PDB file of N, CA and C in Angstrom:
ATOM      1  N   UNK A   1     -29.714 -28.152 -11.950  1.00  0.00           N
ATOM      2  CA  UNK A   1     -30.094 -27.690 -13.259  1.00  0.00           C
ATOM      3  C   UNK A   1     -30.239 -26.166 -13.274  1.00  0.00           C
ATOM      4  N   UNK A   2     -30.825 -25.633 -12.188  1.00  0.00           N
ATOM      5  CA  UNK A   2     -31.024 -24.191 -12.089  1.00  0.00           C
ATOM      6  C   UNK A   2     -29.679 -23.458 -12.111  1.00  0.00           C
ATOM      7  N   UNK A   3     -28.684 -24.000 -11.394  1.00  0.00           N
ATOM      8  CA  UNK A   3     -27.360 -23.383 -11.367  1.00  0.00           C
ATOM      9  C   UNK A   3     -26.721 -23.404 -12.743  1.00  0.00           C
ATOM     10  N   UNK A   4     -26.938 -24.473 -13.475  1.00  0.00           N
ATOM     11  CA  UNK A   4     -26.391 -24.595 -14.823  1.00  0.00           C
ATOM     12  C   UNK A   4     -26.989 -23.525 -15.742  1.00  0.00           C
ATOM     13  N   UNK A   5     -28.290 -23.343 -15.679  1.00  0.00           N
ATOM     14  CA  UNK A   5     -28.967 -22.348 -16.504  1.00  0.00           C
ATOM     15  C   UNK A   5     -28.496 -20.945 -16.137  1.00  0.00           C
ATOM     16  N   UNK A   6     -28.345 -20.680 -14.847  1.00  0.00           N
ATOM     17  CA  UNK A   6     -27.873 -19.367 -14.412  1.00  0.00           C
ATOM     18  C   UNK A   6     -26.446 -19.104 -14.880  1.00  0.00           C
ATOM     19  N   UNK A   7     -25.598 -20.124 -14.853  1.00  0.00           N
ATOM     20  CA  UNK A   7     -24.223 -19.938 -15.315  1.00  0.00           C
ATOM     21  C   UNK A   7     -24.192 -19.666 -16.808  1.00  0.00           C
ATOM     22  N   UNK A   8     -25.083 -20.289 -17.570  1.00  0.00           N
ATOM     23  CA  UNK A   8     -25.161 -20.015 -19.005  1.00  0.00           C
ATOM     24  C   UNK A   8     -25.660 -18.601 -19.270  1.00  0.00           C
ATOM     25  N   UNK A   9     -26.554 -18.113 -18.429  1.00  0.00           N
ATOM     26  CA  UNK A   9     -27.067 -16.759 -18.591  1.00  0.00           C
ATOM     27  C   UNK A   9     -25.980 -15.716 -18.333  1.00  0.00           C
ATOM     28  N   UNK A  10     -25.034 -16.028 -17.475  1.00  0.00           N
ATOM     29  CA  UNK A  10     -23.954 -15.087 -17.159  1.00  0.00           C
ATOM     30  C   UNK A  10     -22.869 -15.081 -18.219  1.00  0.00           C
ATOM     31  N   UNK A  11     -22.804 -16.093 -19.050  1.00  0.00           N
ATOM     32  CA  UNK A  11     -21.757 -16.202 -20.060  1.00  0.00           C
ATOM     33  C   UNK A  11     -21.707 -15.010 -21.014  1.00  0.00           C
ATOM     34  N   UNK A  12     -22.839 -14.556 -21.569  1.00  0.00           N
ATOM     35  CA  UNK A  12     -22.761 -13.381 -22.445  1.00  0.00           C
ATOM     36  C   UNK A  12     -22.230 -12.140 -21.730  1.00  0.00           C
ATOM     37  N   UNK A  13     -22.521 -11.999 -20.458  1.00  0.00           N
ATOM     38  CA  UNK A  13     -22.005 -10.856 -19.701  1.00  0.00           C
ATOM     39  C   UNK A  13     -20.494 -10.941 -19.557  1.00  0.00           C
ATOM     40  N   UNK A  14     -19.976 -12.124 -19.387  1.00  0.00           N
ATOM     41  CA  UNK A  14     -18.531 -12.298 -19.283  1.00  0.00           C
ATOM     42  C   UNK A  14     -17.859 -11.909 -20.584  1.00  0.00           C
ATOM     43  N   UNK A  15     -18.494 -12.150 -21.700  1.00  0.00           N
ATOM     44  CA  UNK A  15     -17.930 -11.791 -22.996  1.00  0.00           C
ATOM     45  C   UNK A  15     -17.801 -10.283 -23.140  1.00  0.00           C
ATOM     46  N   UNK A  16     -18.636  -9.531 -22.458  1.00  0.00           N
ATOM     47  CA  UNK A  16     -18.581  -8.076 -22.521  1.00  0.00           C
ATOM     48  C   UNK A  16     -17.479  -7.493 -21.648  1.00  0.00           C
ATOM     49  N   UNK A  17     -16.851  -8.295 -20.847  1.00  0.00           N
ATOM     50  CA  UNK A  17     -15.852  -7.800 -19.912  1.00  0.00           C
ATOM     51  C   UNK A  17     -14.591  -7.329 -20.603  1.00  0.00           C
ATOM     52  N   UNK A  18     -14.260  -7.880 -21.772  1.00  0.00           N
ATOM     53  CA  UNK A  18     -13.099  -7.434 -22.529  1.00  0.00           C
ATOM     54  C   UNK A  18     -13.533  -7.096 -23.929  1.00  0.00           C
ATOM     55  N   UNK A  19     -12.756  -6.263 -24.607  1.00  0.00           N
ATOM     56  CA  UNK A  19     -13.110  -5.874 -25.961  1.00  0.00           C
ATOM     57  C   UNK A  19     -11.962  -6.158 -26.896  1.00  0.00           C
ATOM     58  N   UNK A  20     -12.154  -7.025 -27.819  1.00  0.00           N
ATOM     59  CA  UNK A  20     -11.213  -7.312 -28.896  1.00  0.00           C
ATOM     60  C   UNK A  20      -9.764  -7.180 -28.504  1.00  0.00           C
ATOM     61  N   UNK A  21      -9.059  -6.261 -29.145  1.00  0.00           N
ATOM     62  CA  UNK A  21      -7.638  -6.090 -28.902  1.00  0.00           C
ATOM     63  C   UNK A  21      -7.328  -5.089 -27.811  1.00  0.00           C
ATOM     64  N   UNK A  22      -8.319  -4.592 -27.131  1.00  0.00           N
ATOM     65  CA  UNK A  22      -8.097  -3.602 -26.086  1.00  0.00           C
ATOM     66  C   UNK A  22      -7.793  -4.323 -24.779  1.00  0.00           C
ATOM     67  N   UNK A  23      -6.524  -4.456 -24.467  1.00  0.00           N
ATOM     68  CA  UNK A  23      -6.121  -5.164 -23.255  1.00  0.00           C
ATOM     69  C   UNK A  23      -5.713  -4.136 -22.219  1.00  0.00           C
ATOM     70  N   UNK A  24      -6.348  -4.123 -21.107  1.00  0.00           N
ATOM     71  CA  UNK A  24      -6.023  -3.179 -20.055  1.00  0.00           C
ATOM     72  C   UNK A  24      -5.286  -3.911 -18.950  1.00  0.00           C
ATOM     73  N   UNK A  25      -4.150  -3.345 -18.545  1.00  0.00           N
ATOM     74  CA  UNK A  25      -3.329  -3.974 -17.515  1.00  0.00           C
ATOM     75  C   UNK A  25      -3.203  -3.044 -16.323  1.00  0.00           C
ATOM     76  N   UNK A  26      -3.666  -3.437 -15.159  1.00  0.00           N
ATOM     77  CA  UNK A  26      -3.496  -2.598 -13.977  1.00  0.00           C
ATOM     78  C   UNK A  26      -2.065  -2.638 -13.478  1.00  0.00           C
ATOM     79  N   UNK A  27      -1.695  -1.642 -12.728  1.00  0.00           N
ATOM     80  CA  UNK A  27      -0.344  -1.564 -12.193  1.00  0.00           C
ATOM     81  C   UNK A  27      -0.375  -1.137 -10.743  1.00  0.00           C
ATOM     82  N   UNK A  28       0.777  -1.227 -10.113  1.00  0.00           N
ATOM     83  CA  UNK A  28       0.905  -0.759  -8.743  1.00  0.00           C
ATOM     84  C   UNK A  28       1.151   0.735  -8.715  1.00  0.00           C
ATOM     85  N   UNK A  29       1.255   1.368  -9.882  1.00  0.00           N
ATOM     86  CA  UNK A  29       1.500   2.806  -9.978  1.00  0.00           C
ATOM     87  C   UNK A  29       0.410   3.585  -9.286  1.00  0.00           C
ATOM     88  N   UNK A  30      -0.239   4.452  -9.996  1.00  0.00           N
ATOM     89  CA  UNK A  30      -1.353   5.167  -9.419  1.00  0.00           C
ATOM     90  C   UNK A  30      -1.223   6.657  -9.557  1.00  0.00           C
ATOM     91  N   UNK A  31      -0.193   7.106 -10.277  1.00  0.00           N
ATOM     92  CA  UNK A  31       0.012   8.528 -10.439  1.00  0.00           C
ATOM     93  C   UNK A  31      -0.563   9.038 -11.737  1.00  0.00           C
ATOM     94  N   UNK A  32      -0.116  10.212 -12.085  1.00  0.00           N
ATOM     95  CA  UNK A  32      -0.555  10.853 -13.312  1.00  0.00           C
ATOM     96  C   UNK A  32       0.402  10.457 -14.430  1.00  0.00           C
ATOM     97  N   UNK A  33      -0.161  10.121 -15.571  1.00  0.00           N
ATOM     98  CA  UNK A  33       0.613   9.673 -16.724  1.00  0.00           C
ATOM     99  C   UNK A  33       1.444  10.812 -17.308  1.00  0.00           C
ATOM    100  N   UNK A  34       2.687  10.511 -17.660  1.00  0.00           N
ATOM    101  CA  UNK A  34       3.597  11.422 -18.365  1.00  0.00           C
ATOM    102  C   UNK A  34       4.155  10.649 -19.546  1.00  0.00           C
ATOM    103  N   UNK A  35       3.772  11.014 -20.773  1.00  0.00           N
ATOM    104  CA  UNK A  35       4.152  10.226 -21.948  1.00  0.00           C
ATOM    105  C   UNK A  35       5.285  10.821 -22.770  1.00  0.00           C
ATOM    106  N   UNK A  36       5.763  12.005 -22.452  1.00  0.00           N
ATOM    107  CA  UNK A  36       6.791  12.636 -23.283  1.00  0.00           C
ATOM    108  C   UNK A  36       8.023  11.750 -23.460  1.00  0.00           C
ATOM    109  N   UNK A  37       8.535  11.187 -22.393  1.00  0.00           N
ATOM    110  CA  UNK A  37       9.747  10.370 -22.457  1.00  0.00           C
ATOM    111  C   UNK A  37       9.500   8.992 -23.052  1.00  0.00           C
ATOM    112  N   UNK A  38       8.242   8.633 -23.278  1.00  0.00           N
ATOM    113  CA  UNK A  38       7.909   7.303 -23.760  1.00  0.00           C
ATOM    114  C   UNK A  38       7.911   7.190 -25.277  1.00  0.00           C
ATOM    115  N   UNK A  39       8.160   8.268 -25.967  1.00  0.00           N
ATOM    116  CA  UNK A  39       8.115   8.248 -27.428  1.00  0.00           C
ATOM    117  C   UNK A  39       9.237   7.401 -28.027  1.00  0.00           C
ATOM    118  N   UNK A  40      10.230   7.059 -27.228  1.00  0.00           N
ATOM    119  CA  UNK A  40      11.300   6.183 -27.709  1.00  0.00           C
ATOM    120  C   UNK A  40      10.788   4.766 -27.971  1.00  0.00           C
ATOM    121  N   UNK A  41       9.622   4.420 -27.431  1.00  0.00           N
ATOM    122  CA  UNK A  41       9.044   3.095 -27.650  1.00  0.00           C
ATOM    123  C   UNK A  41       8.321   2.979 -28.992  1.00  0.00           C
ATOM    124  N   UNK A  42       8.008   4.111 -29.626  1.00  0.00           N
ATOM    125  CA  UNK A  42       7.369   4.076 -30.942  1.00  0.00           C
ATOM    126  C   UNK A  42       8.351   3.424 -31.916  1.00  0.00           C
ATOM    127  N   UNK A  43       7.861   2.440 -32.650  1.00  0.00           N
ATOM    128  CA  UNK A  43       8.695   1.699 -33.591  1.00  0.00           C
ATOM    129  C   UNK A  43       9.202   0.380 -33.040  1.00  0.00           C
ATOM    130  N   UNK A  44       8.998   0.144 -31.753  1.00  0.00           N
ATOM    131  CA  UNK A  44       9.426  -1.116 -31.144  1.00  0.00           C
ATOM    132  C   UNK A  44       8.292  -2.133 -31.184  1.00  0.00           C
ATOM    133  N   UNK A  45       8.641  -3.394 -31.024  1.00  0.00           N
ATOM    134  CA  UNK A  45       7.680  -4.496 -31.022  1.00  0.00           C
ATOM    135  C   UNK A  45       6.820  -4.419 -29.752  1.00  0.00           C
ATOM    136  N   UNK A  46       5.515  -4.506 -29.906  1.00  0.00           N
ATOM    137  CA  UNK A  46       4.588  -4.479 -28.769  1.00  0.00           C
ATOM    138  C   UNK A  46       4.527  -5.868 -28.143  1.00  0.00           C
ATOM    139  N   UNK A  47       4.895  -5.950 -26.871  1.00  0.00           N
ATOM    140  CA  UNK A  47       4.776  -7.206 -26.129  1.00  0.00           C
ATOM    141  C   UNK A  47       4.614  -6.890 -24.652  1.00  0.00           C
ATOM    142  N   UNK A  48       4.421  -7.900 -23.852  1.00  0.00           N
ATOM    143  CA  UNK A  48       4.143  -7.713 -22.424  1.00  0.00           C
ATOM    144  C   UNK A  48       5.301  -7.025 -21.703  1.00  0.00           C
ATOM    145  N   UNK A  49       6.543  -7.353 -22.063  1.00  0.00           N
ATOM    146  CA  UNK A  49       7.696  -6.736 -21.404  1.00  0.00           C
ATOM    147  C   UNK A  49       7.765  -5.239 -21.685  1.00  0.00           C
ATOM    148  N   UNK A  50       7.560  -4.862 -22.939  1.00  0.00           N
ATOM    149  CA  UNK A  50       7.568  -3.439 -23.307  1.00  0.00           C
ATOM    150  C   UNK A  50       6.406  -2.728 -22.621  1.00  0.00           C
ATOM    151  N   UNK A  51       5.250  -3.379 -22.582  1.00  0.00           N
ATOM    152  CA  UNK A  51       4.089  -2.788 -21.907  1.00  0.00           C
ATOM    153  C   UNK A  51       4.373  -2.507 -20.444  1.00  0.00           C
ATOM    154  N   UNK A  52       5.031  -3.439 -19.779  1.00  0.00           N
ATOM    155  CA  UNK A  52       5.373  -3.250 -18.361  1.00  0.00           C
ATOM    156  C   UNK A  52       6.343  -2.084 -18.193  1.00  0.00           C
ATOM    157  N   UNK A  53       7.301  -1.954 -19.101  1.00  0.00           N
ATOM    158  CA  UNK A  53       8.255  -0.837 -19.032  1.00  0.00           C
ATOM    159  C   UNK A  53       7.555   0.490 -19.261  1.00  0.00           C
ATOM    160  N   UNK A  54       6.684   0.533 -20.267  1.00  0.00           N
ATOM    161  CA  UNK A  54       5.944   1.765 -20.555  1.00  0.00           C
ATOM    162  C   UNK A  54       5.096   2.159 -19.352  1.00  0.00           C
ATOM    163  N   UNK A  55       4.399   1.203 -18.783  1.00  0.00           N
ATOM    164  CA  UNK A  55       3.554   1.480 -17.625  1.00  0.00           C
ATOM    165  C   UNK A  55       4.377   1.994 -16.452  1.00  0.00           C
ATOM    166  N   UNK A  56       5.489   1.355 -16.170  1.00  0.00           N
ATOM    167  CA  UNK A  56       6.337   1.770 -15.047  1.00  0.00           C
ATOM    168  C   UNK A  56       6.922   3.164 -15.267  1.00  0.00           C
ATOM    169  N   UNK A  57       7.389   3.429 -16.479  1.00  0.00           N
ATOM    170  CA  UNK A  57       8.023   4.716 -16.770  1.00  0.00           C
ATOM    171  C   UNK A  57       7.026   5.857 -16.903  1.00  0.00           C
ATOM    172  N   UNK A  58       5.775   5.531 -17.225  1.00  0.00           N
ATOM    173  CA  UNK A  58       4.777   6.588 -17.429  1.00  0.00           C
ATOM    174  C   UNK A  58       4.271   7.169 -16.117  1.00  0.00           C
ATOM    175  N   UNK A  59       4.322   6.377 -15.048  1.00  0.00           N
ATOM    176  CA  UNK A  59       3.745   6.803 -13.780  1.00  0.00           C
ATOM    177  C   UNK A  59       2.247   6.571 -13.719  1.00  0.00           C
ATOM    178  N   UNK A  60       1.679   6.017 -14.780  1.00  0.00           N
ATOM    179  CA  UNK A  60       0.242   5.773 -14.845  1.00  0.00           C
ATOM    180  C   UNK A  60      -0.138   4.546 -14.030  1.00  0.00           C
ATOM    181  N   UNK A  61      -1.418   4.441 -13.764  1.00  0.00           N
ATOM    182  CA  UNK A  61      -1.946   3.304 -13.026  1.00  0.00           C
ATOM    183  C   UNK A  61      -2.391   2.198 -13.981  1.00  0.00           C
ATOM    184  N   UNK A  62      -2.778   2.565 -15.192  1.00  0.00           N
ATOM    185  CA  UNK A  62      -3.354   1.617 -16.130  1.00  0.00           C
ATOM    186  C   UNK A  62      -2.722   1.756 -17.512  1.00  0.00           C
ATOM    187  N   UNK A  63      -2.533   0.623 -18.163  1.00  0.00           N
ATOM    188  CA  UNK A  63      -2.047   0.572 -19.549  1.00  0.00           C
ATOM    189  C   UNK A  63      -3.177   0.048 -20.415  1.00  0.00           C
ATOM    190  N   UNK A  64      -3.434   0.739 -21.521  1.00  0.00           N
ATOM    191  CA  UNK A  64      -4.462   0.281 -22.460  1.00  0.00           C
ATOM    192  C   UNK A  64      -3.815   0.076 -23.816  1.00  0.00           C
ATOM    193  N   UNK A  65      -3.900  -1.156 -24.330  1.00  0.00           N
ATOM    194  CA  UNK A  65      -3.378  -1.502 -25.645  1.00  0.00           C
ATOM    195  C   UNK A  65      -4.450  -1.215 -26.689  1.00  0.00           C
ATOM    196  N   UNK A  66      -4.045  -0.700 -27.842  1.00  0.00           N
ATOM    197  CA  UNK A  66      -4.967  -0.450 -28.949  1.00  0.00           C
ATOM    198  C   UNK A  66      -4.539  -1.216 -30.179  1.00  0.00           C
ATOM    199  N   UNK A  67      -5.233  -2.301 -30.440  1.00  0.00           N
ATOM    200  CA  UNK A  67      -4.944  -3.116 -31.626  1.00  0.00           C
ATOM    201  C   UNK A  67      -5.419  -2.388 -32.882  1.00  0.00           C
ATOM    202  N   UNK A  68      -4.889  -2.780 -34.032  1.00  0.00           N
ATOM    203  CA  UNK A  68      -5.318  -2.148 -35.287  1.00  0.00           C
ATOM    204  C   UNK A  68      -6.822  -2.296 -35.497  1.00  0.00           C
ATOM    205  N   UNK A  69      -7.458  -1.214 -35.870  1.00  0.00           N
ATOM    206  CA  UNK A  69      -8.880  -1.243 -36.177  1.00  0.00           C
ATOM    207  C   UNK A  69      -9.814  -1.222 -34.985  1.00  0.00           C
ATOM    208  N   UNK A  70      -9.284  -1.159 -33.759  1.00  0.00           N
ATOM    209  CA  UNK A  70     -10.167  -1.117 -32.599  1.00  0.00           C
ATOM    210  C   UNK A  70     -10.537   0.321 -32.270  1.00  0.00           C
ATOM    211  N   UNK A  71     -11.697   0.470 -31.683  1.00  0.00           N
ATOM    212  CA  UNK A  71     -12.158   1.791 -31.278  1.00  0.00           C
ATOM    213  C   UNK A  71     -12.002   1.921 -29.772  1.00  0.00           C
ATOM    214  N   UNK A  72     -11.736   3.142 -29.316  1.00  0.00           N
ATOM    215  CA  UNK A  72     -11.600   3.432 -27.894  1.00  0.00           C
ATOM    216  C   UNK A  72     -12.667   4.404 -27.476  1.00  0.00           C
ATOM    217  N   UNK A  73     -12.998   4.346 -26.202  1.00  0.00           N
ATOM    218  CA  UNK A  73     -13.882   5.373 -25.654  1.00  0.00           C
ATOM    219  C   UNK A  73     -13.118   6.692 -25.647  1.00  0.00           C
ATOM    220  N   UNK A  74     -13.824   7.777 -25.634  1.00  0.00           N
ATOM    221  CA  UNK A  74     -13.191   9.091 -25.673  1.00  0.00           C
ATOM    222  C   UNK A  74     -12.976   9.690 -24.282  1.00  0.00           C
ATOM    223  N   UNK A  75     -13.250   8.925 -23.235  1.00  0.00           N
ATOM    224  CA  UNK A  75     -13.044   9.455 -21.893  1.00  0.00           C
ATOM    225  C   UNK A  75     -11.550   9.648 -21.646  1.00  0.00           C
ATOM    226  N   UNK A  76     -11.218  10.731 -20.982  1.00  0.00           N
ATOM    227  CA  UNK A  76      -9.817  11.026 -20.674  1.00  0.00           C
ATOM    228  C   UNK A  76      -9.541  10.648 -19.227  1.00  0.00           C
ATOM    229  N   UNK A  77      -8.509   9.846 -19.027  1.00  0.00           N
ATOM    230  CA  UNK A  77      -8.102   9.472 -17.674  1.00  0.00           C
ATOM    231  C   UNK A  77      -6.634   9.812 -17.510  1.00  0.00           C
ATOM    232  N   UNK A  78      -6.330  10.688 -16.588  1.00  0.00           N
ATOM    233  CA  UNK A  78      -4.957  11.125 -16.389  1.00  0.00           C
ATOM    234  C   UNK A  78      -4.063  10.031 -15.797  1.00  0.00           C
ATOM    235  N   UNK A  79      -4.672   8.942 -15.341  1.00  0.00           N
ATOM    236  CA  UNK A  79      -3.901   7.846 -14.754  1.00  0.00           C
ATOM    237  C   UNK A  79      -3.740   6.665 -15.725  1.00  0.00           C
ATOM    238  N   UNK A  80      -3.953   6.900 -17.033  1.00  0.00           N
ATOM    239  CA  UNK A  80      -3.876   5.819 -18.014  1.00  0.00           C
ATOM    240  C   UNK A  80      -2.919   6.187 -19.147  1.00  0.00           C
ATOM    241  N   UNK A  81      -2.117   5.216 -19.561  1.00  0.00           N
ATOM    242  CA  UNK A  81      -1.268   5.368 -20.737  1.00  0.00           C
ATOM    243  C   UNK A  81      -1.824   4.457 -21.827  1.00  0.00           C
ATOM    244  N   UNK A  82      -1.929   4.998 -23.035  1.00  0.00           N
ATOM    245  CA  UNK A  82      -2.483   4.282 -24.174  1.00  0.00           C
ATOM    246  C   UNK A  82      -1.371   3.954 -25.160  1.00  0.00           C
ATOM    247  N   UNK A  83      -1.337   2.715 -25.623  1.00  0.00           N
ATOM    248  CA  UNK A  83      -0.322   2.283 -26.576  1.00  0.00           C
ATOM    249  C   UNK A  83      -1.030   1.646 -27.763  1.00  0.00           C
ATOM    250  N   UNK A  84      -0.883   2.247 -28.927  1.00  0.00           N
ATOM    251  CA  UNK A  84      -1.453   1.683 -30.157  1.00  0.00           C
ATOM    252  C   UNK A  84      -0.347   0.974 -30.928  1.00  0.00           C
ATOM    253  N   UNK A  85      -0.728  -0.093 -31.624  1.00  0.00           N
ATOM    254  CA  UNK A  85       0.227  -0.826 -32.449  1.00  0.00           C
ATOM    255  C   UNK A  85      -0.447  -1.245 -33.746  1.00  0.00           C
ATOM    256  N   UNK A  86       0.385  -1.573 -34.748  1.00  0.00           N
ATOM    257  CA  UNK A  86      -0.144  -1.936 -36.059  1.00  0.00           C
ATOM    258  C   UNK A  86      -0.247  -3.452 -36.213  1.00  0.00           C
ATOM    259  N   UNK A  87      -0.592  -3.899 -37.417  1.00  0.00           N
ATOM    260  CA  UNK A  87      -0.793  -5.324 -37.679  1.00  0.00           C
ATOM    261  C   UNK A  87       0.478  -6.138 -37.491  1.00  0.00           C
ATOM    262  N   UNK A  88       1.628  -5.496 -37.594  1.00  0.00           N
ATOM    263  CA  UNK A  88       2.914  -6.181 -37.405  1.00  0.00           C
ATOM    264  C   UNK A  88       3.349  -6.142 -35.943  1.00  0.00           C
ATOM    265  N   UNK A  89       2.461  -5.675 -35.047  1.00  0.00           N
ATOM    266  CA  UNK A  89       2.747  -5.563 -33.613  1.00  0.00           C
ATOM    267  C   UNK A  89       3.839  -4.532 -33.320  1.00  0.00           C
ATOM    268  N   UNK A  90       3.934  -3.499 -34.150  1.00  0.00           N
ATOM    269  CA  UNK A  90       4.884  -2.415 -33.941  1.00  0.00           C
ATOM    270  C   UNK A  90       4.135  -1.245 -33.323  1.00  0.00           C
ATOM    271  N   UNK A  91       4.669  -0.684 -32.258  1.00  0.00           N
ATOM    272  CA  UNK A  91       4.041   0.436 -31.561  1.00  0.00           C
ATOM    273  C   UNK A  91       4.049   1.655 -32.461  1.00  0.00           C
ATOM    274  N   UNK A  92       2.864   2.261 -32.646  1.00  0.00           N
ATOM    275  CA  UNK A  92       2.730   3.426 -33.491  1.00  0.00           C
ATOM    276  C   UNK A  92       2.440   4.702 -32.713  1.00  0.00           C
ATOM    277  N   UNK A  93       1.971   4.558 -31.458  1.00  0.00           N
ATOM    278  CA  UNK A  93       1.618   5.740 -30.671  1.00  0.00           C
ATOM    279  C   UNK A  93       1.618   5.400 -29.188  1.00  0.00           C
ATOM    280  N   UNK A  94       2.159   6.322 -28.395  1.00  0.00           N
ATOM    281  CA  UNK A  94       2.095   6.220 -26.931  1.00  0.00           C
ATOM    282  C   UNK A  94       1.630   7.568 -26.425  1.00  0.00           C
ATOM    283  N   UNK A  95       0.487   7.574 -25.741  1.00  0.00           N
ATOM    284  CA  UNK A  95      -0.031   8.843 -25.211  1.00  0.00           C
ATOM    285  C   UNK A  95      -0.826   8.591 -23.948  1.00  0.00           C
ATOM    286  N   UNK A  96      -1.020   9.627 -23.196  1.00  0.00           N
ATOM    287  CA  UNK A  96      -1.787   9.548 -21.958  1.00  0.00           C
ATOM    288  C   UNK A  96      -3.264   9.753 -22.268  1.00  0.00           C
ATOM    289  N   UNK A  97      -4.077   9.310 -21.362  1.00  0.00           N
ATOM    290  CA  UNK A  97      -5.506   9.530 -21.494  1.00  0.00           C
ATOM    291  C   UNK A  97      -6.241   8.294 -21.310  1.00  0.00           C
TER     292      UNK A  97
END
C-alpha cells in the first residue's frame, strides 16, 4: 500500500517533465547550432523526419519544437535548434538558441 501511495505522489512530478507542445529531442550531435542553411525548411510540414534532418544539418545537440501558442524559456543554448510551427503543422521559424 505504501508503494502505491508513493507512486501516486510521483505522478504529478512526471507531468512536469514535458510541457505541452514543446518536444525536445536529443541527438548524437553535440556541436554548436548553425541555422542559416536551415531556412529552406520554413514552409514545410513539421514531422519527425524533418525534425531529424534539421537536427542533423544544424550541428546542434538538441531540437526543440514550438507548437502554436506555447511559451519558451528565454535561456540561450548554443547547442539547441528551435523549430516553431503553426496550427497547420507548417514550420514558421528555425533558429538556434
